Amino acid sequence: MTEYGRERERRRRASSLVGLLFLAALSASLALKVGWIPAVAVPVGLLVLVYALFTFVVWRDRQAEARRRASGAAPSWSAQLPVAAALELGAKAPGRHSRQQEVGELLGRLSLAGGGLRWEPRKGDRNRGVGPVAWDRSWSPKVVSLWGPGSQGCLTLTRPDGMAVDLWIRHPADLRRALGSAKP
């Protein structure tokens, strides 16, 4: 993982911790006003609701990928490409993303086809002129699973000269298997 990737993961963990602390403070405040049963029931209910919604979104993503693969399309994964890396690799970024110090990420799909990896932007970004980015076999991949829900991971692609790019992906174990079976 690059320095950008480590910093992004640190921010993600910190925001998760802040959310849990907020939930604990909400529970304590509620317990002082209405008693301990509602104080436990409200946060547990919120957590169950968030878990159910998150599970539904992940399930829809898996179903869509299963349909894509059944129709003969190349394997693909939801992926986020940092705007700075996209600009460095020659992809045109839309509107406000055309600044060189941009810290955002572009949403898209990473596919394994034609002897390499190819990132395609989502439809909205494609309509605004964002182009695809491709990596050939000279880039060495490393997939790291990340802590947390949703089967998240980081794919670090490193060029022989040392340049590295992080892509944030879903289902890293599936990508790791696909990359392992695609090696010559």
C-alpha atoms as a PDB file:
ATOM      1  CA  MET A   1       0.000   0.000   0.000  1.00  0.00           C
ATOM      2  CA  THR A   2       1.286   3.475  -0.813  1.00  0.00           C
ATOM      3  CA  GLU A   3       1.484   6.339   1.684  1.00  0.00           C
ATOM      4  CA  TYR A   4      -1.784   7.687   0.274  1.00  0.00           C
ATOM      5  CA  GLY A   5      -3.380   4.289   0.882  1.00  0.00           C
ATOM      6  CA  ARG A   6      -2.157   4.064   4.468  1.00  0.00           C
ATOM      7  CA  GLU A   7      -3.444   7.576   5.182  1.00  0.00           C
ATOM      8  CA  ARG A   8      -6.837   6.779   3.611  1.00  0.00           C
ATOM      9  CA  GLU A   9      -7.138   3.596   5.678  1.00  0.00           C
ATOM     10  CA  ARG A  10      -6.182   5.515   8.851  1.00  0.00           C
ATOM     11  CA  ARG A  11      -8.911   8.107   8.146  1.00  0.00           C
ATOM     12  CA  ARG A  12     -11.472   5.350   7.492  1.00  0.00           C
ATOM     13  CA  ARG A  13     -10.675   3.623  10.782  1.00  0.00           C
ATOM     14  CA  ALA A  14     -10.734   6.914  12.685  1.00  0.00           C
ATOM     15  CA  SER A  15     -14.165   7.820  11.299  1.00  0.00           C
ATOM     16  CA  SER A  16     -15.476   4.353  12.246  1.00  0.00           C
ATOM     17  CA  LEU A  17     -14.209   4.848  15.785  1.00  0.00           C
ATOM     18  CA  VAL A  18     -15.799   8.311  15.990  1.00  0.00           C
ATOM     19  CA  GLY A  19     -19.114   6.800  14.848  1.00  0.00           C
ATOM     20  CA  LEU A  20     -18.953   4.135  17.554  1.00  0.00           C
ATOM     21  CA  LEU A  21     -18.092   6.731  20.200  1.00  0.00           C
ATOM     22  CA  PHE A  22     -21.050   8.847  19.047  1.00  0.00           C
ATOM     23  CA  LEU A  23     -23.324   5.817  19.345  1.00  0.00           C
ATOM     24  CA  ALA A  24     -22.016   5.170  22.879  1.00  0.00           C
ATOM     25  CA  ALA A  25     -22.578   8.824  23.863  1.00  0.00           C
ATOM     26  CA  LEU A  26     -26.079   8.719  22.378  1.00  0.00           C
ATOM     27  CA  SER A  27     -26.834   5.585  24.394  1.00  0.00           C
ATOM     28  CA  ALA A  28     -25.536   7.113  27.621  1.00  0.00           C
ATOM     29  CA  SER A  29     -27.561  10.283  27.077  1.00  0.00           C
ATOM     30  CA  LEU A  30     -30.677   8.265  26.298  1.00  0.00           C
ATOM     31  CA  ALA A  31     -30.117   6.059  29.361  1.00  0.00           C
ATOM     32  CA  LEU A  32     -30.079   9.112  31.630  1.00  0.00           C
ATOM     33  CA  LYS A  33     -33.388  10.374  30.221  1.00  0.00           C
ATOM     34  CA  VAL A  34     -35.563   7.296  29.613  1.00  0.00           C
ATOM     35  CA  GLY A  35     -33.873   4.279  31.163  1.00  0.00           C
ATOM     36  CA  TRP A  36     -31.510   1.557  30.114  1.00  0.00           C
ATOM     37  CA  ILE A  37     -33.891  -0.580  27.968  1.00  0.00           C
ATOM     38  CA  PRO A  38     -34.537   2.126  25.318  1.00  0.00           C
ATOM     39  CA  ALA A  39     -30.886   3.137  25.608  1.00  0.00           C
ATOM     40  CA  VAL A  40     -29.862  -0.360  24.523  1.00  0.00           C
ATOM     41  CA  ALA A  41     -32.713  -0.903  22.054  1.00  0.00           C
ATOM     42  CA  VAL A  42     -32.117   2.263  19.990  1.00  0.00           C
ATOM     43  CA  PRO A  43     -28.400   1.695  19.193  1.00  0.00           C
ATOM     44  CA  VAL A  44     -28.948  -2.030  18.605  1.00  0.00           C
ATOM     45  CA  GLY A  45     -31.849  -1.209  16.286  1.00  0.00           C
ATOM     46  CA  LEU A  46     -29.710   1.331  14.420  1.00  0.00           C
ATOM     47  CA  LEU A  47     -26.885  -1.182  14.041  1.00  0.00           C
ATOM     48  CA  VAL A  48     -29.273  -3.870  12.771  1.00  0.00           C
ATOM     49  CA  LEU A  49     -30.788  -1.418  10.271  1.00  0.00           C
ATOM     50  CA  VAL A  50     -27.357  -0.332   8.989  1.00  0.00           C
ATOM     51  CA  TYR A  51     -26.214  -3.954   8.752  1.00  0.00           C
ATOM     52  CA  ALA A  52     -29.345  -4.976   6.811  1.00  0.00           C
ATOM     53  CA  LEU A  53     -28.990  -2.066   4.378  1.00  0.00           C
ATOM     54  CA  PHE A  54     -25.279  -2.734   3.878  1.00  0.00           C
ATOM     55  CA  THR A  55     -25.921  -6.457   3.323  1.00  0.00           C
ATOM     56  CA  PHE A  56     -28.543  -5.640   0.688  1.00  0.00           C
ATOM     57  CA  VAL A  57     -26.150  -3.335  -1.195  1.00  0.00           C
ATOM     58  CA  VAL A  58     -23.335  -5.913  -1.132  1.00  0.00           C
ATOM     59  CA  TRP A  59     -25.770  -8.660  -2.225  1.00  0.00           C
ATOM     60  CA  ARG A  60     -26.935  -6.559  -5.203  1.00  0.00           C
ATOM     61  CA  ASP A  61     -23.300  -5.988  -6.216  1.00  0.00           C
ATOM     62  CA  ARG A  62     -22.571  -9.727  -6.082  1.00  0.00           C
ATOM     63  CA  GLN A  63     -25.731 -10.548  -8.071  1.00  0.00           C
ATOM     64  CA  ALA A  64     -24.841  -8.002 -10.758  1.00  0.00           C
ATOM     65  CA  GLU A  65     -21.334  -9.459 -11.054  1.00  0.00           C
ATOM     66  CA  ALA A  66     -22.725 -13.005 -11.276  1.00  0.00           C
ATOM     67  CA  ARG A  67     -25.026 -11.892 -14.118  1.00  0.00           C
ATOM     68  CA  ARG A  68     -22.110 -10.179 -15.899  1.00  0.00           C
ATOM     69  CA  ARG A  69     -19.930 -13.275 -15.670  1.00  0.00           C
ATOM     70  CA  ALA A  70     -22.794 -15.577 -16.729  1.00  0.00           C
ATOM     71  CA  SER A  71     -23.280 -13.474 -19.868  1.00  0.00           C
ATOM     72  CA  GLY A  72     -19.631 -14.015 -20.790  1.00  0.00           C
ATOM     73  CA  ALA A  73     -18.171 -10.671 -19.680  1.00  0.00           C
ATOM     74  CA  ALA A  74     -14.664 -10.530 -18.229  1.00  0.00           C
ATOM     75  CA  PRO A  75     -14.408 -10.651 -14.406  1.00  0.00           C
ATOM     76  CA  SER A  76     -14.754  -7.185 -12.887  1.00  0.00           C
ATOM     77  CA  TRP A  77     -14.796  -5.511  -9.483  1.00  0.00           C
ATOM     78  CA  SER A  78     -16.077  -2.197  -8.137  1.00  0.00           C
ATOM     79  CA  ALA A  79     -13.014   0.021  -7.836  1.00  0.00           C
ATOM     80  CA  GLN A  80     -12.111   3.567  -6.840  1.00  0.00           C
ATOM     81  CA  LEU A  81      -9.131   5.221  -8.519  1.00  0.00           C
ATOM     82  CA  PRO A  82      -7.539   8.281  -6.871  1.00  0.00           C
ATOM     83  CA  VAL A  83      -7.923  11.347  -9.115  1.00  0.00           C
ATOM     84  CA  ALA A  84      -4.240  12.243  -8.737  1.00  0.00           C
ATOM     85  CA  ALA A  85      -3.234   8.773  -9.974  1.00  0.00           C
ATOM     86  CA  ALA A  86      -5.706   8.966 -12.872  1.00  0.00           C
ATOM     87  CA  LEU A  87      -4.227  12.287 -13.973  1.00  0.00           C
ATOM     88  CA  GLU A  88      -0.694  10.916 -13.626  1.00  0.00           C
ATOM     89  CA  LEU A  89      -1.604   7.933 -15.810  1.00  0.00           C
ATOM     90  CA  GLY A  90      -3.068  10.153 -18.521  1.00  0.00           C
ATOM     91  CA  ALA A  91      -6.803   9.884 -17.865  1.00  0.00           C
ATOM     92  CA  LYS A  92      -8.725  13.100 -18.388  1.00  0.00           C
ATOM     93  CA  ALA A  93     -10.692  14.022 -15.291  1.00  0.00           C
ATOM     94  CA  PRO A  94     -13.929  16.069 -15.392  1.00  0.00           C
ATOM     95  CA  GLY A  95     -14.611  19.549 -14.032  1.00  0.00           C
ATOM     96  CA  ARG A  96     -13.190  20.193 -10.612  1.00  0.00           C
ATOM     97  CA  HIS A  97     -11.133  17.000 -10.789  1.00  0.00           C
ATOM     98  CA  SER A  98      -8.805  18.527 -13.372  1.00  0.00           C
ATOM     99  CA  ARG A  99      -6.757  20.222 -10.643  1.00  0.00           C
ATOM    100  CA  GLN A 100      -3.439  18.516  -9.996  1.00  0.00           C
ATOM    101  CA  GLN A 101      -3.704  18.468  -6.166  1.00  0.00           C
ATOM    102  CA  GLU A 102      -7.097  16.764  -6.107  1.00  0.00           C
ATOM    103  CA  VAL A 103      -7.515  14.226  -3.283  1.00  0.00           C
ATOM    104  CA  GLY A 104     -10.822  12.647  -4.336  1.00  0.00           C
ATOM    105  CA  GLU A 105     -11.463   9.329  -6.026  1.00  0.00           C
ATOM    106  CA  LEU A 106     -13.246   8.338  -9.213  1.00  0.00           C
ATOM    107  CA  LEU A 107     -15.712   5.441  -9.089  1.00  0.00           C
ATOM    108  CA  GLY A 108     -15.627   2.726 -11.718  1.00  0.00           C
ATOM    109  CA  ARG A 109     -15.024  -0.962 -12.467  1.00  0.00           C
ATOM    110  CA  LEU A 110     -11.752  -2.824 -12.723  1.00  0.00           C
ATOM    111  CA  SER A 111     -11.751  -5.690 -15.207  1.00  0.00           C
ATOM    112  CA  LEU A 112      -9.265  -8.408 -16.027  1.00  0.00           C
ATOM    113  CA  ALA A 113      -9.122  -8.809 -19.792  1.00  0.00           C
ATOM    114  CA  GLY A 114      -6.676  -8.843 -22.662  1.00  0.00           C
ATOM    115  CA  GLY A 115      -3.639  -9.766 -20.595  1.00  0.00           C
ATOM    116  CA  GLY A 116      -3.925  -6.852 -18.181  1.00  0.00           C
ATOM    117  CA  LEU A 117      -6.142  -4.799 -15.910  1.00  0.00           C
ATOM    118  CA  ARG A 118      -8.444  -2.041 -17.142  1.00  0.00           C
ATOM    119  CA  TRP A 119     -10.320   0.517 -15.062  1.00  0.00           C
ATOM    120  CA  GLU A 120     -13.471   1.998 -16.639  1.00  0.00           C
ATOM    121  CA  PRO A 121     -15.171   5.039 -15.067  1.00  0.00           C
ATOM    122  CA  ARG A 122     -18.844   4.969 -14.158  1.00  0.00           C
ATOM    123  CA  LYS A 123     -21.322   6.188 -16.761  1.00  0.00           C
ATOM    124  CA  GLY A 124     -21.675   9.721 -15.354  1.00  0.00           C
ATOM    125  CA  ASP A 125     -17.917  10.340 -15.427  1.00  0.00           C
ATOM    126  CA  ARG A 126     -17.651   8.752 -18.883  1.00  0.00           C
ATOM    127  CA  ASN A 127     -20.252  11.229 -20.140  1.00  0.00           C
ATOM    128  CA  ARG A 128     -18.123  14.086 -18.774  1.00  0.00           C
ATOM    129  CA  GLY A 129     -15.027  12.882 -20.610  1.00  0.00           C
ATOM    130  CA  VAL A 130     -13.170  10.680 -18.126  1.00  0.00           C
ATOM    131  CA  GLY A 131     -11.311   7.993 -20.009  1.00  0.00           C
ATOM    132  CA  PRO A 132     -10.282   4.470 -19.033  1.00  0.00           C
ATOM    133  CA  VAL A 133      -6.913   3.531 -17.552  1.00  0.00           C
ATOM    134  CA  ALA A 134      -5.106   0.297 -18.439  1.00  0.00           C
ATOM    135  CA  TRP A 135      -2.204  -1.550 -16.839  1.00  0.00           C
ATOM    136  CA  ASP A 136      -0.228  -4.203 -18.692  1.00  0.00           C
ATOM    137  CA  ARG A 137       1.694  -7.183 -17.275  1.00  0.00           C
ATOM    138  CA  SER A 138       4.748  -5.036 -16.432  1.00  0.00           C
ATOM    139  CA  TRP A 139       2.878  -3.672 -13.387  1.00  0.00           C
ATOM    140  CA  SER A 140       3.077  -6.054 -10.420  1.00  0.00           C
ATOM    141  CA  PRO A 141      -0.179  -6.393  -8.408  1.00  0.00           C
ATOM    142  CA  LYS A 142      -0.528  -6.855  -4.664  1.00  0.00           C
ATOM    143  CA  VAL A 143      -3.968  -7.314  -3.093  1.00  0.00           C
ATOM    144  CA  VAL A 144      -4.474  -6.496   0.595  1.00  0.00           C
ATOM    145  CA  SER A 145      -7.736  -7.180   2.448  1.00  0.00           C
ATOM    146  CA  LEU A 146      -8.780  -4.324   4.726  1.00  0.00           C
ATOM    147  CA  TRP A 147     -10.310  -4.372   8.178  1.00  0.00           C
ATOM    148  CA  GLY A 148     -14.025  -3.717   8.306  1.00  0.00           C
ATOM    149  CA  PRO A 149     -17.324  -4.754   6.784  1.00  0.00           C
ATOM    150  CA  GLY A 150     -18.111  -5.210   3.132  1.00  0.00           C
ATOM    151  CA  SER A 151     -15.193  -7.272   1.902  1.00  0.00           C
ATOM    152  CA  GLN A 152     -13.008  -4.291   1.052  1.00  0.00           C
ATOM    153  CA  GLY A 153      -9.459  -4.340  -0.206  1.00  0.00           C
ATOM    154  CA  CYS A 154      -6.624  -2.368  -1.711  1.00  0.00           C
ATOM    155  CA  LEU A 155      -4.958  -3.339  -4.981  1.00  0.00           C
ATOM    156  CA  THR A 156      -1.502  -1.801  -5.268  1.00  0.00           C
ATOM    157  CA  LEU A 157      -0.051  -1.853  -8.772  1.00  0.00           C
ATOM    158  CA  THR A 158       3.683  -1.151  -8.940  1.00  0.00           C
ATOM    159  CA  ARG A 159       5.566  -0.324 -12.132  1.00  0.00           C
ATOM    160  CA  PRO A 160       9.173  -1.576 -12.538  1.00  0.00           C
ATOM    161  CA  ASP A 161      10.480   1.989 -12.005  1.00  0.00           C
ATOM    162  CA  GLY A 162       8.771   2.122  -8.584  1.00  0.00           C
ATOM    163  CA  MET A 163       5.649   4.164  -9.333  1.00  0.00           C
ATOM    164  CA  ALA A 164       2.726   2.709  -7.358  1.00  0.00           C
ATOM    165  CA  VAL A 165      -1.037   3.216  -7.633  1.00  0.00           C
ATOM    166  CA  ASP A 166      -3.678   2.154  -5.089  1.00  0.00           C
ATOM    167  CA  LEU A 167      -7.165   1.124  -6.193  1.00  0.00           C
ATOM    168  CA  TRP A 168      -9.895   0.489  -3.616  1.00  0.00           C
ATOM    169  CA  ILE A 169     -11.841  -2.635  -4.502  1.00  0.00           C
ATOM    170  CA  ARG A 170     -14.632  -4.905  -3.303  1.00  0.00           C
ATOM    171  CA  HIS A 171     -14.102  -8.649  -2.901  1.00  0.00           C
ATOM    172  CA  PRO A 172     -10.283  -8.744  -2.694  1.00  0.00           C
ATOM    173  CA  ALA A 173     -10.164 -12.547  -2.296  1.00  0.00           C
ATOM    174  CA  ASP A 174     -11.923 -12.978  -5.649  1.00  0.00           C
ATOM    175  CA  LEU A 175      -9.495 -10.544  -7.311  1.00  0.00           C
ATOM    176  CA  ARG A 176      -6.526 -12.318  -5.716  1.00  0.00           C
ATOM    177  CA  ARG A 177      -7.757 -15.665  -7.127  1.00  0.00           C
ATOM    178  CA  ALA A 178      -8.355 -14.157 -10.575  1.00  0.00           C
ATOM    179  CA  LEU A 179      -4.906 -12.550 -10.667  1.00  0.00           C
ATOM    180  CA  GLY A 180      -3.308 -15.818  -9.538  1.00  0.00           C
ATOM    181  CA  SER A 181      -5.015 -17.826 -12.270  1.00  0.00           C
ATOM    182  CA  ALA A 182      -4.236 -15.209 -14.948  1.00  0.00           C
ATOM    183  CA  LYS A 183      -0.456 -15.363 -14.493  1.00  0.00           C
ATOM    184  CA  PRO A 184       1.424 -16.899 -17.455  1.00  0.00           C
END
